[in-house]
Amino acid sequence: MTEQTHIGDQVADFDAFFAEQNEPRFGATLRLYGREYVLPTSLPLLFTLQMERVQNSAEPDDIRRLLSSLFGPAALDEWADHGMTDRQLGVVLLWSAANAREPGCISIAEAVELYDEQEAAKQEEGGEGKERPTPKTIANGSGKQS
């Protein structure tokens, strides 16, 4: 047993605090390629941390880890097998991130519009000509367009 140093007799008990919060664990549901995915009511820490790393990454394992924290470890391969495009992946991620935080806050059409606006802004900033990986190329391990 390890010895702990306490200030007074107080211990900051986050286990008890989080248990008292009684946050619902599941929120918005989405259907994709015939399968339903139930999002958590807040983004998992791993998703948030990976999102920063993955923004500019074409590494298959980075994308796979990001998706598995929300959709399970087989999601990328399943979606790639169905022919998902990079645009479709971007829209699903944008919609999912927003609706995990606040279910119903953004529609699919609004997610498409926001995604397209973000992509247009990237193009204006000089992102033209850059090859972007699709779920299929990521699942195949190359991360490069074929």
Protein backbone atom coordinates (compact mmCIF):
# COMPACT_ATOMS: atom_id res chain seq x y z
CA MET A 1 0.00 0.00 0.00
CA THR A 2 1.38 3.43 -0.86
CA GLU A 3 1.52 6.22 1.64
CA GLN A 4 -0.45 9.30 0.64
CA THR A 5 0.13 12.86 1.72
CA HIS A 6 -3.09 14.73 2.45
CA ILE A 7 -3.75 18.35 3.22
CA GLY A 8 -5.78 18.04 6.37
CA ASP A 9 -8.08 15.06 6.16
CA GLN A 10 -9.52 16.01 2.76
CA VAL A 11 -9.17 13.78 -0.27
CA ALA A 12 -10.45 15.07 -3.59
CA ASP A 13 -12.65 12.12 -4.56
CA PHE A 14 -13.30 12.43 -8.28
CA ASP A 15 -14.76 8.92 -8.38
CA ALA A 16 -17.58 10.02 -6.09
CA PHE A 17 -17.97 13.37 -7.84
CA PHE A 18 -18.29 11.85 -11.32
CA ALA A 19 -20.66 9.17 -10.02
CA GLU A 20 -22.91 11.89 -8.56
CA GLN A 21 -23.08 13.67 -11.90
CA ASN A 22 -25.20 10.84 -13.31
CA GLU A 23 -24.52 11.95 -16.87
CA PRO A 24 -26.34 9.86 -19.42
CA ARG A 25 -23.72 7.74 -21.14
CA PHE A 26 -25.32 7.51 -24.57
CA GLY A 27 -26.94 10.07 -26.83
CA ALA A 28 -27.52 10.58 -30.54
CA THR A 29 -27.79 7.59 -32.84
CA LEU A 30 -26.69 7.45 -36.45
CA ARG A 31 -27.23 4.81 -39.10
CA LEU A 32 -24.48 4.15 -41.59
CA TYR A 33 -24.35 1.29 -44.09
CA GLY A 34 -27.21 -0.47 -42.32
CA ARG A 35 -25.63 -0.37 -38.88
CA GLU A 36 -26.62 1.89 -35.98
CA TYR A 37 -24.01 3.62 -33.85
CA VAL A 38 -24.92 5.24 -30.54
CA LEU A 39 -22.70 8.17 -29.64
CA PRO A 40 -21.59 8.93 -26.11
CA THR A 41 -22.96 12.13 -24.56
CA SER A 42 -19.47 13.60 -24.41
CA LEU A 43 -16.44 12.91 -26.52
CA PRO A 44 -14.04 10.31 -25.15
CA LEU A 45 -10.66 11.68 -24.15
CA LEU A 46 -8.92 9.48 -26.70
CA PHE A 47 -11.08 10.93 -29.51
CA THR A 48 -10.29 14.50 -28.46
CA LEU A 49 -6.54 13.86 -28.21
CA GLN A 50 -6.39 11.89 -31.45
CA MET A 51 -8.40 14.53 -33.35
CA GLU A 52 -5.55 17.01 -32.98
CA ARG A 53 -2.98 14.47 -34.12
CA VAL A 54 -5.03 13.08 -37.00
CA GLN A 55 -5.95 16.41 -38.57
CA ASN A 56 -2.83 16.35 -40.72
CA SER A 57 -2.09 12.65 -40.64
CA ALA A 58 -2.57 10.04 -43.33
CA GLU A 59 -1.36 7.22 -41.11
CA PRO A 60 -3.91 4.39 -41.15
CA ASP A 61 -3.40 3.57 -37.47
CA ASP A 62 -4.06 7.19 -36.43
CA ILE A 63 -7.38 7.26 -38.26
CA ARG A 64 -8.29 3.79 -37.01
CA ARG A 65 -7.64 4.76 -33.35
CA LEU A 66 -9.69 7.94 -33.73
CA LEU A 67 -12.68 6.13 -35.20
CA SER A 68 -12.53 3.18 -32.83
CA SER A 69 -13.00 5.41 -29.78
CA LEU A 70 -16.45 6.42 -31.10
CA PHE A 71 -17.52 3.69 -33.50
CA GLY A 72 -15.56 0.57 -32.58
CA PRO A 73 -12.39 -0.97 -33.99
CA ALA A 74 -13.92 -2.35 -37.20
CA ALA A 75 -15.66 0.84 -38.34
CA LEU A 76 -12.96 2.07 -40.73
CA ASP A 77 -12.70 -1.23 -42.56
CA GLU A 78 -16.49 -1.62 -42.77
CA TRP A 79 -16.91 1.90 -44.13
CA ALA A 80 -14.06 1.47 -46.60
CA ASP A 81 -15.61 -1.77 -47.85
CA HIS A 82 -18.76 0.22 -48.62
CA GLY A 83 -16.79 2.77 -50.64
CA MET A 84 -16.92 5.71 -48.24
CA THR A 85 -15.15 8.81 -49.58
CA ASP A 86 -12.97 11.25 -47.65
CA ARG A 87 -15.76 13.84 -47.88
CA GLN A 88 -18.30 11.41 -46.44
CA LEU A 89 -15.90 10.52 -43.62
CA GLY A 90 -15.38 14.21 -42.85
CA VAL A 91 -19.12 14.87 -42.72
CA VAL A 92 -19.74 11.87 -40.45
CA LEU A 93 -16.97 12.96 -38.07
CA LEU A 94 -18.16 16.58 -38.00
CA TRP A 95 -21.77 15.55 -37.37
CA SER A 96 -20.75 12.99 -34.74
CA ALA A 97 -18.47 15.34 -32.80
CA ALA A 98 -21.16 18.03 -32.67
CA ASN A 99 -24.01 15.69 -31.79
CA ALA A 100 -22.03 13.83 -29.14
CA ARG A 101 -21.71 17.12 -27.27
CA GLU A 102 -25.28 18.23 -27.87
CA PRO A 103 -27.61 15.72 -29.57
CA GLY A 104 -29.72 17.28 -32.27
CA CYS A 105 -27.64 20.44 -32.52
CA ILE A 106 -26.70 19.92 -36.16
CA SER A 107 -28.44 18.16 -39.03
CA ILE A 108 -26.70 16.10 -41.69
CA ALA A 109 -27.33 18.86 -44.23
CA GLU A 110 -25.77 21.43 -41.89
CA ALA A 111 -22.78 19.13 -41.34
CA VAL A 112 -22.31 18.86 -45.13
CA GLU A 113 -22.45 22.64 -45.46
CA LEU A 114 -19.96 23.18 -42.64
CA TYR A 115 -17.62 20.54 -44.01
CA ASP A 116 -17.70 22.08 -47.48
CA GLU A 117 -17.05 25.55 -46.03
CA GLN A 118 -14.06 24.23 -44.07
CA GLU A 119 -12.66 22.50 -47.15
CA ALA A 120 -13.11 25.66 -49.25
CA ALA A 121 -11.25 27.67 -46.60
CA LYS A 122 -8.40 25.14 -46.66
CA GLN A 123 -8.19 25.44 -50.45
CA GLU A 124 -7.99 29.23 -50.16
CA GLU A 125 -5.16 28.87 -47.65
CA GLY A 126 -3.06 26.99 -50.18
CA GLY A 127 -4.13 23.40 -49.62
CA GLU A 128 -4.70 22.84 -53.35
CA GLY A 129 -3.09 19.88 -55.00
CA LYS A 130 -2.58 17.98 -51.77
CA GLU A 131 -3.63 14.36 -52.07
CA ARG A 132 -6.10 13.37 -49.38
CA PRO A 133 -6.51 9.82 -48.18
CA THR A 134 -9.86 8.10 -48.41
CA PRO A 135 -11.12 5.50 -45.93
CA LYS A 136 -10.37 2.83 -48.56
CA THR A 137 -6.72 3.86 -48.98
CA ILE A 138 -6.36 4.20 -45.22
CA ALA A 139 -7.85 0.76 -44.64
CA ASN A 140 -5.49 -0.65 -47.26
CA GLY A 141 -2.61 0.81 -45.27
CA SER A 142 -1.19 3.24 -47.81
CA GLY A 143 -3.02 6.46 -46.95
CA LYS A 144 -2.35 7.60 -50.54
CA GLN A 145 -4.78 7.83 -53.40
CA SER A 146 -4.62 4.93 -55.82
